[in-house]
Amino acid sequence: MPLPKISEARELSDDKLSEEIVAIKRQLFQLRLQKATRQLEKPHQFKQIRHRLAQLLTVETERKRAAIQLAKEEK
Protein backbone atom coordinates (compact mmCIF):
# COMPACT_ATOMS: atom_id res chain seq x y z
CA MET A 1 0.00 0.00 0.00
CA PRO A 2 1.52 3.36 -0.99
CA LEU A 3 2.01 6.09 1.55
CA PRO A 4 -0.76 8.71 1.64
CA LYS A 5 -0.26 12.05 -0.09
CA ILE A 6 -0.14 15.29 1.87
CA SER A 7 -2.56 16.86 -0.62
CA GLU A 8 -5.24 14.58 0.82
CA ALA A 9 -4.57 15.99 4.29
CA ARG A 10 -4.73 19.57 3.01
CA GLU A 11 -8.23 18.95 1.64
CA LEU A 12 -9.61 18.14 5.13
CA SER A 13 -11.53 20.70 7.16
CA ASP A 14 -10.12 21.83 10.51
CA ASP A 15 -12.56 19.68 12.49
CA LYS A 16 -11.95 16.61 10.35
CA LEU A 17 -8.20 17.19 10.60
CA SER A 18 -8.36 17.22 14.41
CA GLU A 19 -10.49 14.07 14.45
CA GLU A 20 -8.07 12.34 12.08
CA ILE A 21 -5.08 13.25 14.28
CA VAL A 22 -6.78 11.77 17.35
CA ALA A 23 -7.72 8.62 15.43
CA ILE A 24 -4.18 8.16 14.11
CA LYS A 25 -2.67 8.63 17.58
CA ARG A 26 -5.10 6.05 18.96
CA GLN A 27 -4.19 3.65 16.16
CA LEU A 28 -0.48 4.14 16.86
CA PHE A 29 -1.09 3.40 20.53
CA GLN A 30 -2.89 0.18 19.59
CA LEU A 31 0.04 -0.87 17.41
CA ARG A 32 2.47 -0.25 20.26
CA LEU A 33 0.26 -2.31 22.55
CA GLN A 34 0.17 -5.16 20.03
CA LYS A 35 3.94 -5.00 19.67
CA ALA A 36 4.42 -5.16 23.45
CA THR A 37 2.16 -8.20 23.72
CA ARG A 38 3.78 -9.83 20.66
CA GLN A 39 0.55 -9.81 18.66
CA LEU A 40 1.72 -7.46 15.91
CA GLU A 41 1.39 -9.08 12.49
CA LYS A 42 2.19 -6.13 10.22
CA PRO A 43 5.15 -4.12 11.51
CA HIS A 44 5.22 -2.00 8.34
CA GLN A 45 2.11 -0.21 9.61
CA PHE A 46 4.27 1.77 12.04
CA LYS A 47 5.95 3.59 9.17
CA GLN A 48 2.69 4.30 7.37
CA ILE A 49 0.88 5.56 10.45
CA ARG A 50 3.78 7.72 11.66
CA HIS A 51 4.07 9.15 8.14
CA ARG A 52 0.36 10.01 8.07
CA LEU A 53 0.54 11.55 11.55
CA ALA A 54 3.47 13.72 10.48
CA GLN A 55 1.52 14.90 7.45
CA LEU A 56 -1.53 15.79 9.51
CA LEU A 57 0.50 17.62 12.14
CA THR A 58 2.34 19.52 9.40
CA VAL A 59 -0.92 20.68 7.84
CA GLU A 60 -2.26 21.68 11.26
CA THR A 61 0.89 23.71 11.99
CA GLU A 62 0.74 25.37 8.57
CA ARG A 63 -2.84 26.46 9.22
CA LYS A 64 -2.01 27.80 12.68
CA ARG A 65 0.93 29.79 11.34
CA ALA A 66 -1.20 31.16 8.50
CA ALA A 67 -3.86 32.27 11.01
CA ILE A 68 -1.24 33.98 13.19
CA GLN A 69 0.27 35.69 10.17
CA LEU A 70 -3.15 36.90 9.05
CA ALA A 71 -3.88 38.25 12.52
CA LYS A 72 -0.56 40.13 12.55
CA GLU A 73 -1.28 41.67 9.16
CA GLU A 74 -4.71 42.88 10.28
CA LYS A 75 -3.25 44.82 13.20
PDB file of N, CA and C in Angstrom:
ATOM      1  N   MET A   1       0.844  -1.172   0.000  1.00  0.00           N
ATOM      2  CA  MET A   1       0.000   0.000   0.000  1.00  0.00           C
ATOM      3  C   MET A   1       0.896   1.243   0.000  1.00  0.00           C
ATOM      4  N   PRO A   2       0.677   2.161  -0.933  1.00  0.00           N
ATOM      5  CA  PRO A   2       1.519   3.360  -0.994  1.00  0.00           C
ATOM      6  C   PRO A   2       1.212   4.305   0.165  1.00  0.00           C
ATOM      7  N   LEU A   3       2.201   5.113   0.487  1.00  0.00           N
ATOM      8  CA  LEU A   3       2.015   6.092   1.552  1.00  0.00           C
ATOM      9  C   LEU A   3       1.031   7.161   1.095  1.00  0.00           C
ATOM     10  N   PRO A   4       0.224   7.693   2.015  1.00  0.00           N
ATOM     11  CA  PRO A   4      -0.762   8.710   1.636  1.00  0.00           C
ATOM     12  C   PRO A   4      -0.090  10.014   1.224  1.00  0.00           C
ATOM     13  N   LYS A   5      -0.768  10.770   0.401  1.00  0.00           N
ATOM     14  CA  LYS A   5      -0.257  12.049  -0.089  1.00  0.00           C
ATOM     15  C   LYS A   5      -0.678  13.171   0.854  1.00  0.00           C
ATOM     16  N   ILE A   6       0.167  14.175   0.977  1.00  0.00           N
ATOM     17  CA  ILE A   6      -0.136  15.288   1.867  1.00  0.00           C
ATOM     18  C   ILE A   6      -1.269  16.138   1.291  1.00  0.00           C
ATOM     19  N   SER A   7      -1.467  16.092  -0.019  1.00  0.00           N
ATOM     20  CA  SER A   7      -2.556  16.858  -0.624  1.00  0.00           C
ATOM     21  C   SER A   7      -3.913  16.384  -0.092  1.00  0.00           C
ATOM     22  N   GLU A   8      -4.004  15.100   0.239  1.00  0.00           N
ATOM     23  CA  GLU A   8      -5.244  14.579   0.816  1.00  0.00           C
ATOM     24  C   GLU A   8      -5.490  15.189   2.194  1.00  0.00           C
ATOM     25  N   ALA A   9      -4.430  15.395   2.959  1.00  0.00           N
ATOM     26  CA  ALA A   9      -4.566  15.988   4.291  1.00  0.00           C
ATOM     27  C   ALA A   9      -4.939  17.460   4.186  1.00  0.00           C
ATOM     28  N   ARG A  10      -4.434  18.138   3.173  1.00  0.00           N
ATOM     29  CA  ARG A  10      -4.734  19.566   3.009  1.00  0.00           C
ATOM     30  C   ARG A  10      -6.181  19.811   2.613  1.00  0.00           C
ATOM     31  N   GLU A  11      -6.837  18.814   2.063  1.00  0.00           N
ATOM     32  CA  GLU A  11      -8.234  18.949   1.643  1.00  0.00           C
ATOM     33  C   GLU A  11      -9.206  18.829   2.816  1.00  0.00           C
ATOM     34  N   LEU A  12      -8.739  18.339   3.967  1.00  0.00           N
ATOM     35  CA  LEU A  12      -9.615  18.135   5.126  1.00  0.00           C
ATOM     36  C   LEU A  12      -9.960  19.460   5.798  1.00  0.00           C
ATOM     37  N   SER A  13     -11.145  19.520   6.376  1.00  0.00           N
ATOM     38  CA  SER A  13     -11.527  20.696   7.157  1.00  0.00           C
ATOM     39  C   SER A  13     -10.792  20.653   8.496  1.00  0.00           C
ATOM     40  N   ASP A  14     -10.827  21.761   9.224  1.00  0.00           N
ATOM     41  CA  ASP A  14     -10.124  21.828  10.506  1.00  0.00           C
ATOM     42  C   ASP A  14     -10.650  20.788  11.497  1.00  0.00           C
ATOM     43  N   ASP A  15     -11.969  20.652  11.565  1.00  0.00           N
ATOM     44  CA  ASP A  15     -12.561  19.678  12.486  1.00  0.00           C
ATOM     45  C   ASP A  15     -12.184  18.250  12.100  1.00  0.00           C
ATOM     46  N   LYS A  16     -12.277  17.955  10.831  1.00  0.00           N
ATOM     47  CA  LYS A  16     -11.948  16.612  10.348  1.00  0.00           C
ATOM     48  C   LYS A  16     -10.462  16.325  10.553  1.00  0.00           C
ATOM     49  N   LEU A  17      -9.636  17.348  10.391  1.00  0.00           N
ATOM     50  CA  LEU A  17      -8.198  17.190  10.603  1.00  0.00           C
ATOM     51  C   LEU A  17      -7.908  16.823  12.055  1.00  0.00           C
ATOM     52  N   SER A  18      -8.554  17.510  12.980  1.00  0.00           N
ATOM     53  CA  SER A  18      -8.358  17.217  14.407  1.00  0.00           C
ATOM     54  C   SER A  18      -8.824  15.807  14.749  1.00  0.00           C
ATOM     55  N   GLU A  19      -9.970  15.420  14.209  1.00  0.00           N
ATOM     56  CA  GLU A  19     -10.489  14.074  14.446  1.00  0.00           C
ATOM     57  C   GLU A  19      -9.539  13.015  13.892  1.00  0.00           C
ATOM     58  N   GLU A  20      -8.988  13.283  12.726  1.00  0.00           N
ATOM     59  CA  GLU A  20      -8.072  12.342  12.084  1.00  0.00           C
ATOM     60  C   GLU A  20      -6.789  12.196  12.908  1.00  0.00           C
ATOM     61  N   ILE A  21      -6.291  13.291  13.453  1.00  0.00           N
ATOM     62  CA  ILE A  21      -5.079  13.247  14.277  1.00  0.00           C
ATOM     63  C   ILE A  21      -5.318  12.376  15.508  1.00  0.00           C
ATOM     64  N   VAL A  22      -6.457  12.567  16.164  1.00  0.00           N
ATOM     65  CA  VAL A  22      -6.778  11.772  17.350  1.00  0.00           C
ATOM     66  C   VAL A  22      -6.901  10.294  16.978  1.00  0.00           C
ATOM     67  N   ALA A  23      -7.550  10.011  15.860  1.00  0.00           N
ATOM     68  CA  ALA A  23      -7.725   8.623  15.431  1.00  0.00           C
ATOM     69  C   ALA A  23      -6.374   7.967  15.107  1.00  0.00           C
ATOM     70  N   ILE A  24      -5.490   8.696  14.462  1.00  0.00           N
ATOM     71  CA  ILE A  24      -4.182   8.160  14.107  1.00  0.00           C
ATOM     72  C   ILE A  24      -3.352   7.916  15.357  1.00  0.00           C
ATOM     73  N   LYS A  25      -3.408   8.824  16.321  1.00  0.00           N
ATOM     74  CA  LYS A  25      -2.673   8.631  17.575  1.00  0.00           C
ATOM     75  C   LYS A  25      -3.196   7.411  18.326  1.00  0.00           C
ATOM     76  N   ARG A  26      -4.502   7.217  18.311  1.00  0.00           N
ATOM     77  CA  ARG A  26      -5.096   6.050  18.957  1.00  0.00           C
ATOM     78  C   ARG A  26      -4.643   4.768  18.255  1.00  0.00           C
ATOM     79  N   GLN A  27      -4.606   4.809  16.938  1.00  0.00           N
ATOM     80  CA  GLN A  27      -4.188   3.651  16.162  1.00  0.00           C
ATOM     81  C   GLN A  27      -2.715   3.326  16.430  1.00  0.00           C
ATOM     82  N   LEU A  28      -1.887   4.349  16.553  1.00  0.00           N
ATOM     83  CA  LEU A  28      -0.476   4.140  16.858  1.00  0.00           C
ATOM     84  C   LEU A  28      -0.305   3.528  18.250  1.00  0.00           C
ATOM     85  N   PHE A  29      -1.117   3.981  19.195  1.00  0.00           N
ATOM     86  CA  PHE A  29      -1.088   3.399  20.530  1.00  0.00           C
ATOM     87  C   PHE A  29      -1.448   1.915  20.478  1.00  0.00           C
ATOM     88  N   GLN A  30      -2.478   1.589  19.716  1.00  0.00           N
ATOM     89  CA  GLN A  30      -2.891   0.184  19.592  1.00  0.00           C
ATOM     90  C   GLN A  30      -1.775  -0.671  18.984  1.00  0.00           C
ATOM     91  N   LEU A  31      -1.075  -0.120  18.008  1.00  0.00           N
ATOM     92  CA  LEU A  31       0.037  -0.866  17.413  1.00  0.00           C
ATOM     93  C   LEU A  31       1.148  -1.104  18.426  1.00  0.00           C
ATOM     94  N   ARG A  32       1.452  -0.081  19.228  1.00  0.00           N
ATOM     95  CA  ARG A  32       2.472  -0.251  20.257  1.00  0.00           C
ATOM     96  C   ARG A  32       2.058  -1.305  21.275  1.00  0.00           C
ATOM     97  N   LEU A  33       0.786  -1.315  21.613  1.00  0.00           N
ATOM     98  CA  LEU A  33       0.263  -2.308  22.546  1.00  0.00           C
ATOM     99  C   LEU A  33       0.382  -3.715  21.957  1.00  0.00           C
ATOM    100  N   GLN A  34       0.049  -3.862  20.693  1.00  0.00           N
ATOM    101  CA  GLN A  34       0.175  -5.159  20.026  1.00  0.00           C
ATOM    102  C   GLN A  34       1.631  -5.611  19.966  1.00  0.00           C
ATOM    103  N   LYS A  35       2.518  -4.659  19.724  1.00  0.00           N
ATOM    104  CA  LYS A  35       3.942  -5.005  19.672  1.00  0.00           C
ATOM    105  C   LYS A  35       4.430  -5.476  21.046  1.00  0.00           C
ATOM    106  N   ALA A  36       3.997  -4.799  22.102  1.00  0.00           N
ATOM    107  CA  ALA A  36       4.424  -5.156  23.450  1.00  0.00           C
ATOM    108  C   ALA A  36       3.907  -6.530  23.857  1.00  0.00           C
ATOM    109  N   THR A  37       2.732  -6.896  23.367  1.00  0.00           N
ATOM    110  CA  THR A  37       2.155  -8.197  23.716  1.00  0.00           C
ATOM    111  C   THR A  37       2.460  -9.258  22.654  1.00  0.00           C
ATOM    112  N   ARG A  38       3.335  -8.916  21.730  1.00  0.00           N
ATOM    113  CA  ARG A  38       3.781  -9.826  20.663  1.00  0.00           C
ATOM    114  C   ARG A  38       2.625 -10.326  19.782  1.00  0.00           C
ATOM    115  N   GLN A  39       1.674  -9.453  19.518  1.00  0.00           N
ATOM    116  CA  GLN A  39       0.550  -9.807  18.658  1.00  0.00           C
ATOM    117  C   GLN A  39       0.583  -9.064  17.330  1.00  0.00           C
ATOM    118  N   LEU A  40       1.621  -8.275  17.119  1.00  0.00           N
ATOM    119  CA  LEU A  40       1.722  -7.461  15.911  1.00  0.00           C
ATOM    120  C   LEU A  40       2.043  -8.333  14.706  1.00  0.00           C
ATOM    121  N   GLU A  41       1.197  -8.267  13.688  1.00  0.00           N
ATOM    122  CA  GLU A  41       1.390  -9.078  12.491  1.00  0.00           C
ATOM    123  C   GLU A  41       1.981  -8.274  11.336  1.00  0.00           C
ATOM    124  N   LYS A  42       1.742  -6.963  11.333  1.00  0.00           N
ATOM    125  CA  LYS A  42       2.187  -6.130  10.215  1.00  0.00           C
ATOM    126  C   LYS A  42       3.028  -4.964  10.729  1.00  0.00           C
ATOM    127  N   PRO A  43       4.304  -5.187  10.951  1.00  0.00           N
ATOM    128  CA  PRO A  43       5.147  -4.123  11.506  1.00  0.00           C
ATOM    129  C   PRO A  43       5.342  -2.935  10.564  1.00  0.00           C
ATOM    130  N   HIS A  44       5.079  -3.105   9.278  1.00  0.00           N
ATOM    131  CA  HIS A  44       5.219  -2.004   8.338  1.00  0.00           C
ATOM    132  C   HIS A  44       4.180  -0.900   8.590  1.00  0.00           C
ATOM    133  N   GLN A  45       3.143  -1.211   9.333  1.00  0.00           N
ATOM    134  CA  GLN A  45       2.109  -0.212   9.608  1.00  0.00           C
ATOM    135  C   GLN A  45       2.642   0.941  10.446  1.00  0.00           C
ATOM    136  N   PHE A  46       3.676   0.694  11.249  1.00  0.00           N
ATOM    137  CA  PHE A  46       4.266   1.773  12.038  1.00  0.00           C
ATOM    138  C   PHE A  46       4.723   2.910  11.133  1.00  0.00           C
ATOM    139  N   LYS A  47       5.435   2.570  10.074  1.00  0.00           N
ATOM    140  CA  LYS A  47       5.950   3.588   9.167  1.00  0.00           C
ATOM    141  C   LYS A  47       4.810   4.357   8.519  1.00  0.00           C
ATOM    142  N   GLN A  48       3.806   3.652   8.049  1.00  0.00           N
ATOM    143  CA  GLN A  48       2.694   4.299   7.365  1.00  0.00           C
ATOM    144  C   GLN A  48       1.918   5.222   8.307  1.00  0.00           C
ATOM    145  N   ILE A  49       1.677   4.772   9.510  1.00  0.00           N
ATOM    146  CA  ILE A  49       0.882   5.557  10.446  1.00  0.00           C
ATOM    147  C   ILE A  49       1.672   6.768  10.939  1.00  0.00           C
ATOM    148  N   ARG A  50       2.958   6.582  11.230  1.00  0.00           N
ATOM    149  CA  ARG A  50       3.782   7.716  11.656  1.00  0.00           C
ATOM    150  C   ARG A  50       3.904   8.743  10.533  1.00  0.00           C
ATOM    151  N   HIS A  51       3.997   8.268   9.296  1.00  0.00           N
ATOM    152  CA  HIS A  51       4.070   9.148   8.139  1.00  0.00           C
ATOM    153  C   HIS A  51       2.783   9.975   8.019  1.00  0.00           C
ATOM    154  N   ARG A  52       1.657   9.321   8.167  1.00  0.00           N
ATOM    155  CA  ARG A  52       0.363  10.012   8.075  1.00  0.00           C
ATOM    156  C   ARG A  52       0.210  11.023   9.212  1.00  0.00           C
ATOM    157  N   LEU A  53       0.619  10.638  10.417  1.00  0.00           N
ATOM    158  CA  LEU A  53       0.541  11.550  11.550  1.00  0.00           C
ATOM    159  C   LEU A  53       1.405  12.779  11.308  1.00  0.00           C
ATOM    160  N   ALA A  54       2.588  12.591  10.786  1.00  0.00           N
ATOM    161  CA  ALA A  54       3.471  13.719  10.484  1.00  0.00           C
ATOM    162  C   ALA A  54       2.834  14.651   9.455  1.00  0.00           C
ATOM    163  N   GLN A  55       2.192  14.082   8.455  1.00  0.00           N
ATOM    164  CA  GLN A  55       1.524  14.901   7.450  1.00  0.00           C
ATOM    165  C   GLN A  55       0.411  15.728   8.075  1.00  0.00           C
ATOM    166  N   LEU A  56      -0.406  15.087   8.895  1.00  0.00           N
ATOM    167  CA  LEU A  56      -1.534  15.786   9.507  1.00  0.00           C
ATOM    168  C   LEU A  56      -1.055  16.891  10.443  1.00  0.00           C
ATOM    169  N   LEU A  57      -0.033  16.603  11.228  1.00  0.00           N
ATOM    170  CA  LEU A  57       0.496  17.617  12.139  1.00  0.00           C
ATOM    171  C   LEU A  57       1.137  18.767  11.369  1.00  0.00           C
ATOM    172  N   THR A  58       1.759  18.470  10.234  1.00  0.00           N
ATOM    173  CA  THR A  58       2.343  19.515   9.399  1.00  0.00           C
ATOM    174  C   THR A  58       1.262  20.440   8.863  1.00  0.00           C
ATOM    175  N   VAL A  59       0.181  19.876   8.369  1.00  0.00           N
ATOM    176  CA  VAL A  59      -0.920  20.682   7.843  1.00  0.00           C
ATOM    177  C   VAL A  59      -1.538  21.536   8.956  1.00  0.00           C
ATOM    178  N   GLU A  60      -1.704  20.942  10.137  1.00  0.00           N
ATOM    179  CA  GLU A  60      -2.258  21.681  11.264  1.00  0.00           C
ATOM    180  C   GLU A  60      -1.355  22.861  11.638  1.00  0.00           C
ATOM    181  N   THR A  61      -0.056  22.638  11.668  1.00  0.00           N
ATOM    182  CA  THR A  61       0.891  23.707  11.989  1.00  0.00           C
ATOM    183  C   THR A  61       0.880  24.792  10.917  1.00  0.00           C
ATOM    184  N   GLU A  62       0.805  24.393   9.656  1.00  0.00           N
ATOM    185  CA  GLU A  62       0.741  25.370   8.565  1.00  0.00           C
ATOM    186  C   GLU A  62      -0.479  26.267   8.724  1.00  0.00           C
ATOM    187  N   ARG A  63      -1.609  25.681   9.070  1.00  0.00           N
ATOM    188  CA  ARG A  63      -2.838  26.464   9.221  1.00  0.00           C
ATOM    189  C   ARG A  63      -2.758  27.403  10.416  1.00  0.00           C
ATOM    190  N   LYS A  64      -2.161  26.938  11.508  1.00  0.00           N
ATOM    191  CA  LYS A  64      -2.009  27.798  12.681  1.00  0.00           C
ATOM    192  C   LYS A  64      -1.105  28.982  12.374  1.00  0.00           C
ATOM    193  N   ARG A  65       0.009  28.707  11.697  1.00  0.00           N
ATOM    194  CA  ARG A  65       0.926  29.790  11.336  1.00  0.00           C
ATOM    195  C   ARG A  65       0.280  30.777  10.379  1.00  0.00           C
ATOM    196  N   ALA A  66      -0.512  30.285   9.448  1.00  0.00           N
ATOM    197  CA  ALA A  66      -1.198  31.163   8.505  1.00  0.00           C
ATOM    198  C   ALA A  66      -2.198  32.050   9.245  1.00  0.00           C
ATOM    199  N   ALA A  67      -2.893  31.485  10.226  1.00  0.00           N
ATOM    200  CA  ALA A  67      -3.859  32.265  11.006  1.00  0.00           C
ATOM    201  C   ALA A  67      -3.145  33.334  11.828  1.00  0.00           C
ATOM    202  N   ILE A  68      -2.004  33.002  12.407  1.00  0.00           N
ATOM    203  CA  ILE A  68      -1.241  33.975  13.189  1.00  0.00           C
ATOM    204  C   ILE A  68      -0.726  35.079  12.283  1.00  0.00           C
ATOM    205  N   GLN A  69      -0.232  34.713  11.121  1.00  0.00           N
ATOM    206  CA  GLN A  69       0.272  35.695  10.170  1.00  0.00           C
ATOM    207  C   GLN A  69      -0.832  36.629   9.717  1.00  0.00           C
ATOM    208  N   LEU A  70      -2.000  36.090   9.473  1.00  0.00           N
ATOM    209  CA  LEU A  70      -3.147  36.897   9.054  1.00  0.00           C
ATOM    210  C   LEU A  70      -3.561  37.858  10.162  1.00  0.00           C
ATOM    211  N   ALA A  71      -3.532  37.393  11.403  1.00  0.00           N
ATOM    212  CA  ALA A  71      -3.877  38.253  12.525  1.00  0.00           C
ATOM    213  C   ALA A  71      -2.859  39.383  12.689  1.00  0.00           C
ATOM    214  N   LYS A  72      -1.599  39.106  12.464  1.00  0.00           N
ATOM    215  CA  LYS A  72      -0.560  40.131  12.554  1.00  0.00           C
ATOM    216  C   LYS A  72      -0.738  41.192  11.470  1.00  0.00           C
ATOM    217  N   GLU A  73      -1.101  40.746  10.271  1.00  0.00           N
ATOM    218  CA  GLU A  73      -1.275  41.672   9.157  1.00  0.00           C
ATOM    219  C   GLU A  73      -2.498  42.567   9.355  1.00  0.00           C
ATOM    220  N   GLU A  74      -3.501  42.089  10.046  1.00  0.00           N
ATOM    221  CA  GLU A  74      -4.712  42.882  10.275  1.00  0.00           C
ATOM    222  C   GLU A  74      -4.513  43.983  11.302  1.00  0.00           C
ATOM    223  N   LYS A  75      -3.502  43.821  12.162  1.00  0.00           N
ATOM    224  CA  LYS A  75      -3.253  44.824  13.200  1.00  0.00           C
ATOM    225  C   LYS A  75      -2.607  46.036  12.685  1.00  0.00           C
TER     226      LYS A  75
END
